[in-house]
Protein backbone atom coordinates (compact mmCIF):
# COMPACT_ATOMS: atom_id res chain seq x y z
CA MET A 1 -25.30 -17.99 38.91
CA LYS A 2 -22.60 -17.22 41.45
CA ILE A 3 -23.27 -15.08 44.52
CA VAL A 4 -21.67 -14.67 47.93
CA VAL A 5 -23.73 -15.35 51.06
CA ASN A 6 -22.20 -14.51 54.45
CA GLY A 7 -18.74 -14.60 52.88
CA GLU A 8 -19.21 -18.01 51.19
CA PRO A 9 -19.49 -18.43 47.41
CA LYS A 10 -22.77 -20.07 46.39
CA GLU A 11 -24.15 -21.34 43.09
CA VAL A 12 -27.89 -20.64 42.83
CA PRO A 13 -30.48 -20.73 40.02
CA LEU A 14 -30.98 -17.68 37.81
CA GLY A 15 -34.02 -15.46 38.21
CA LEU A 16 -34.52 -15.63 41.96
CA SER A 17 -36.04 -12.83 43.94
CA LEU A 18 -34.60 -12.25 47.38
CA GLN A 19 -37.65 -14.01 48.86
CA ARG A 20 -37.14 -17.07 46.62
CA LEU A 21 -33.42 -17.13 47.44
CA ILE A 22 -34.15 -17.25 51.18
CA GLU A 23 -36.57 -20.13 50.50
CA HIS A 24 -34.04 -21.87 48.23
CA LEU A 25 -31.40 -21.67 50.97
CA GLU A 26 -33.98 -23.04 53.46
CA ILE A 27 -33.51 -20.15 55.86
CA PRO A 28 -36.43 -19.52 58.23
CA THR A 29 -37.79 -16.03 57.56
CA GLU A 30 -38.71 -15.16 61.13
CA ARG A 31 -36.28 -12.71 62.74
CA VAL A 32 -34.08 -12.42 59.66
CA ALA A 33 -32.39 -9.34 58.24
CA VAL A 34 -30.85 -9.23 54.77
CA GLU A 35 -28.16 -6.92 53.49
CA LEU A 36 -27.67 -6.91 49.72
CA ASN A 37 -24.51 -5.24 48.43
CA LEU A 38 -24.21 -3.21 51.66
CA ASP A 39 -27.87 -2.08 51.67
CA VAL A 40 -30.40 -3.47 54.15
CA VAL A 41 -33.48 -4.68 52.28
CA PRO A 42 -36.79 -4.42 54.17
CA LYS A 43 -38.62 -7.73 54.35
CA ALA A 44 -41.61 -6.26 52.49
CA LYS A 45 -39.32 -5.63 49.47
CA TRP A 46 -37.87 -9.17 49.27
CA PRO A 47 -40.34 -10.40 46.61
CA GLU A 48 -39.53 -7.38 44.39
CA VAL A 49 -35.73 -7.47 44.60
CA ASP A 50 -33.95 -9.72 42.10
CA VAL A 51 -30.67 -11.38 42.98
CA LYS A 52 -28.00 -10.91 40.31
CA GLU A 53 -24.69 -12.54 39.42
CA GLU A 54 -21.88 -11.62 41.85
CA ASP A 55 -24.27 -10.08 44.43
CA LYS A 56 -22.99 -10.13 47.99
CA LEU A 57 -25.49 -10.87 50.74
CA GLU A 58 -25.31 -10.96 54.49
CA ILE A 59 -28.20 -12.87 56.03
CA ILE A 60 -28.54 -12.48 59.79
CA HIS A 61 -30.86 -14.58 61.92
CA PHE A 62 -31.64 -13.04 65.29
CA VAL A 63 -31.88 -15.40 68.23
CA GLY A 64 -33.77 -14.45 71.37
CA GLY A 65 -32.50 -15.25 74.79
CA GLY A 66 -32.66 -14.18 78.33
């Protein structure tokens, strides 16, 4: 199915939860925030939220520094 991740079109398998999508994209889950169709999804909800055709996601990885 086709989705958009951080402004880039992506082709991903059907039937992925948000958690499985993050794993599929090989994104480390520490310090990550996900916005799905303009709504921030709490990390605890990732396994319950299904990704659908044409969804738009912003995945932000926070980097510490000093």
